Amino acid sequence: MERKYTAIIRKSRLEYVAVCLEFNLSARGEDLADVEKNLKSAIELYLEDIKEHPETIVSPISTEELIEFLKDTEPEWYKGPGKGLILRPLEVHEVPSYA
């Protein structure tokens, strides 16, 4: 069975940025296809490295790092929560899984 990994992809001011939640890996790209290709490549290289170096400690992204990623890639149009609200917008079109 093929393992799947979860990614969050956001558009920053200059490019698309993706992070793999299971491995805390990130990738960049000029468009969605480019960032997906780059993240898939990063995951494959990381898995090969883990096989060669089994002592590597694999850990998912921490809550603090995920919050920083989301803040760094916050949409330009976002000005702050509405009156009386504390929630921030997160556009989710699709949550891709990579194998």
C-alpha atoms as a PDB file:
ATOM      1  CA  MET A   1       0.000   0.000   0.000  1.00  0.00           C
ATOM      2  CA  GLU A   2       1.276   3.435  -0.939  1.00  0.00           C
ATOM      3  CA  ARG A   3       1.711   5.935   1.906  1.00  0.00           C
ATOM      4  CA  LYS A   4       0.131   9.366   1.505  1.00  0.00           C
ATOM      5  CA  TYR A   5       1.338  12.633   2.985  1.00  0.00           C
ATOM      6  CA  THR A   6      -0.588  15.809   3.637  1.00  0.00           C
ATOM      7  CA  ALA A   7       0.435  19.240   2.407  1.00  0.00           C
ATOM      8  CA  ILE A   8      -0.764  22.790   2.836  1.00  0.00           C
ATOM      9  CA  ILE A   9      -0.094  25.057  -0.121  1.00  0.00           C
ATOM     10  CA  ARG A  10      -0.426  28.824   0.131  1.00  0.00           C
ATOM     11  CA  LYS A  11       0.280  31.661  -2.256  1.00  0.00           C
ATOM     12  CA  SER A  12       2.738  34.140  -0.811  1.00  0.00           C
ATOM     13  CA  ARG A  13       3.457  37.502  -2.393  1.00  0.00           C
ATOM     14  CA  LEU A  14       5.988  36.143  -4.894  1.00  0.00           C
ATOM     15  CA  GLU A  15       5.394  32.411  -5.177  1.00  0.00           C
ATOM     16  CA  TYR A  16       3.540  29.356  -3.959  1.00  0.00           C
ATOM     17  CA  VAL A  17       4.828  27.729  -0.787  1.00  0.00           C
ATOM     18  CA  ALA A  18       3.974  24.230   0.430  1.00  0.00           C
ATOM     19  CA  VAL A  19       4.645  22.362   3.647  1.00  0.00           C
ATOM     20  CA  CYS A  20       4.346  18.616   4.264  1.00  0.00           C
ATOM     21  CA  LEU A  21       2.762  18.198   7.700  1.00  0.00           C
ATOM     22  CA  GLU A  22       4.165  14.743   8.438  1.00  0.00           C
ATOM     23  CA  PHE A  23       7.819  15.634   7.800  1.00  0.00           C
ATOM     24  CA  ASN A  24       7.921  19.426   8.227  1.00  0.00           C
ATOM     25  CA  LEU A  25       9.340  19.746   4.711  1.00  0.00           C
ATOM     26  CA  SER A  26       8.706  22.771   2.566  1.00  0.00           C
ATOM     27  CA  ALA A  27       8.980  23.620  -1.119  1.00  0.00           C
ATOM     28  CA  ARG A  28       8.418  26.631  -3.340  1.00  0.00           C
ATOM     29  CA  GLY A  29       7.245  27.078  -6.883  1.00  0.00           C
ATOM     30  CA  GLU A  30       6.067  29.625  -9.433  1.00  0.00           C
ATOM     31  CA  ASP A  31       2.637  27.986  -9.760  1.00  0.00           C
ATOM     32  CA  LEU A  32       0.638  25.138  -8.217  1.00  0.00           C
ATOM     33  CA  ALA A  33       2.034  22.496 -10.559  1.00  0.00           C
ATOM     34  CA  ASP A  34       5.596  23.634  -9.850  1.00  0.00           C
ATOM     35  CA  VAL A  35       5.220  23.682  -6.068  1.00  0.00           C
ATOM     36  CA  GLU A  36       3.517  20.262  -6.075  1.00  0.00           C
ATOM     37  CA  LYS A  37       6.320  18.789  -8.199  1.00  0.00           C
ATOM     38  CA  ASN A  38       8.961  20.321  -5.926  1.00  0.00           C
ATOM     39  CA  LEU A  39       7.283  19.105  -2.725  1.00  0.00           C
ATOM     40  CA  LYS A  40       6.866  15.591  -4.100  1.00  0.00           C
ATOM     41  CA  SER A  41      10.555  15.593  -5.034  1.00  0.00           C
ATOM     42  CA  ALA A  42      11.524  16.839  -1.555  1.00  0.00           C
ATOM     43  CA  ILE A  43       9.463  14.068   0.075  1.00  0.00           C
ATOM     44  CA  GLU A  44      11.042  11.395  -2.147  1.00  0.00           C
ATOM     45  CA  LEU A  45      14.567  12.648  -1.363  1.00  0.00           C
ATOM     46  CA  TYR A  46      13.783  12.791   2.345  1.00  0.00           C
ATOM     47  CA  LEU A  47      12.455   9.207   2.333  1.00  0.00           C
ATOM     48  CA  GLU A  48      15.615   8.027   0.552  1.00  0.00           C
ATOM     49  CA  ASP A  49      17.736   9.841   3.137  1.00  0.00           C
ATOM     50  CA  ILE A  50      15.807   8.208   5.992  1.00  0.00           C
ATOM     51  CA  LYS A  51      16.503   4.775   4.473  1.00  0.00           C
ATOM     52  CA  GLU A  52      20.227   5.556   4.256  1.00  0.00           C
ATOM     53  CA  HIS A  53      20.341   7.094   7.735  1.00  0.00           C
ATOM     54  CA  PRO A  54      17.835   5.262   9.952  1.00  0.00           C
ATOM     55  CA  GLU A  55      19.006   7.267  12.975  1.00  0.00           C
ATOM     56  CA  THR A  56      17.269  10.326  11.493  1.00  0.00           C
ATOM     57  CA  ILE A  57      14.547  11.567  13.790  1.00  0.00           C
ATOM     58  CA  VAL A  58      11.344  12.128  11.839  1.00  0.00           C
ATOM     59  CA  SER A  59       8.879  14.547  13.342  1.00  0.00           C
ATOM     60  CA  PRO A  60       5.788  16.314  12.058  1.00  0.00           C
ATOM     61  CA  ILE A  61       5.478  20.066  11.928  1.00  0.00           C
ATOM     62  CA  SER A  62       4.899  21.594  15.340  1.00  0.00           C
ATOM     63  CA  THR A  63       1.905  23.778  16.060  1.00  0.00           C
ATOM     64  CA  GLU A  64       4.167  26.814  16.465  1.00  0.00           C
ATOM     65  CA  GLU A  65       5.868  26.214  13.110  1.00  0.00           C
ATOM     66  CA  LEU A  66       2.532  25.672  11.379  1.00  0.00           C
ATOM     67  CA  ILE A  67       1.175  28.935  12.791  1.00  0.00           C
ATOM     68  CA  GLU A  68       4.318  30.744  11.620  1.00  0.00           C
ATOM     69  CA  PHE A  69       3.941  29.218   8.142  1.00  0.00           C
ATOM     70  CA  LEU A  70       0.321  30.357   7.964  1.00  0.00           C
ATOM     71  CA  LYS A  71       1.204  33.860   9.150  1.00  0.00           C
ATOM     72  CA  ASP A  72       4.099  34.156   6.684  1.00  0.00           C
ATOM     73  CA  THR A  73       1.828  33.167   3.792  1.00  0.00           C
ATOM     74  CA  GLU A  74      -1.228  35.114   4.929  1.00  0.00           C
ATOM     75  CA  PRO A  75      -3.222  36.496   1.981  1.00  0.00           C
ATOM     76  CA  GLU A  76      -2.477  40.115   1.128  1.00  0.00           C
ATOM     77  CA  TRP A  77      -6.170  40.986   1.253  1.00  0.00           C
ATOM     78  CA  TYR A  78      -6.469  39.949   4.888  1.00  0.00           C
ATOM     79  CA  LYS A  79      -6.596  43.005   7.158  1.00  0.00           C
ATOM     80  CA  GLY A  80      -7.513  41.318  10.443  1.00  0.00           C
ATOM     81  CA  PRO A  81     -10.495  39.568  11.982  1.00  0.00           C
ATOM     82  CA  GLY A  82     -13.859  41.288  11.769  1.00  0.00           C
ATOM     83  CA  LYS A  83     -15.371  43.031  14.738  1.00  0.00           C
ATOM     84  CA  GLY A  84     -15.857  40.549  17.574  1.00  0.00           C
ATOM     85  CA  LEU A  85     -14.125  37.718  15.681  1.00  0.00           C
ATOM     86  CA  ILE A  86     -10.836  36.010  16.436  1.00  0.00           C
ATOM     87  CA  LEU A  87     -10.735  33.533  13.557  1.00  0.00           C
ATOM     88  CA  ARG A  88      -8.413  34.023  10.602  1.00  0.00           C
ATOM     89  CA  PRO A  89      -9.287  32.976   7.051  1.00  0.00           C
ATOM     90  CA  LEU A  90      -7.720  29.900   5.537  1.00  0.00           C
ATOM     91  CA  GLU A  91      -8.603  29.293   1.919  1.00  0.00           C
ATOM     92  CA  VAL A  92      -8.813  25.556   1.349  1.00  0.00           C
ATOM     93  CA  HIS A  93      -9.541  24.466  -2.177  1.00  0.00           C
ATOM     94  CA  GLU A  94      -8.228  20.942  -1.795  1.00  0.00           C
ATOM     95  CA  VAL A  95      -5.898  19.167   0.584  1.00  0.00           C
ATOM     96  CA  PRO A  96      -3.540  17.169  -1.631  1.00  0.00           C
ATOM     97  CA  SER A  97      -1.989  13.915  -0.515  1.00  0.00           C
ATOM     98  CA  TYR A  98       1.352  12.871  -1.901  1.00  0.00           C
ATOM     99  CA  ALA A  99       2.719   9.389  -2.240  1.00  0.00           C
END
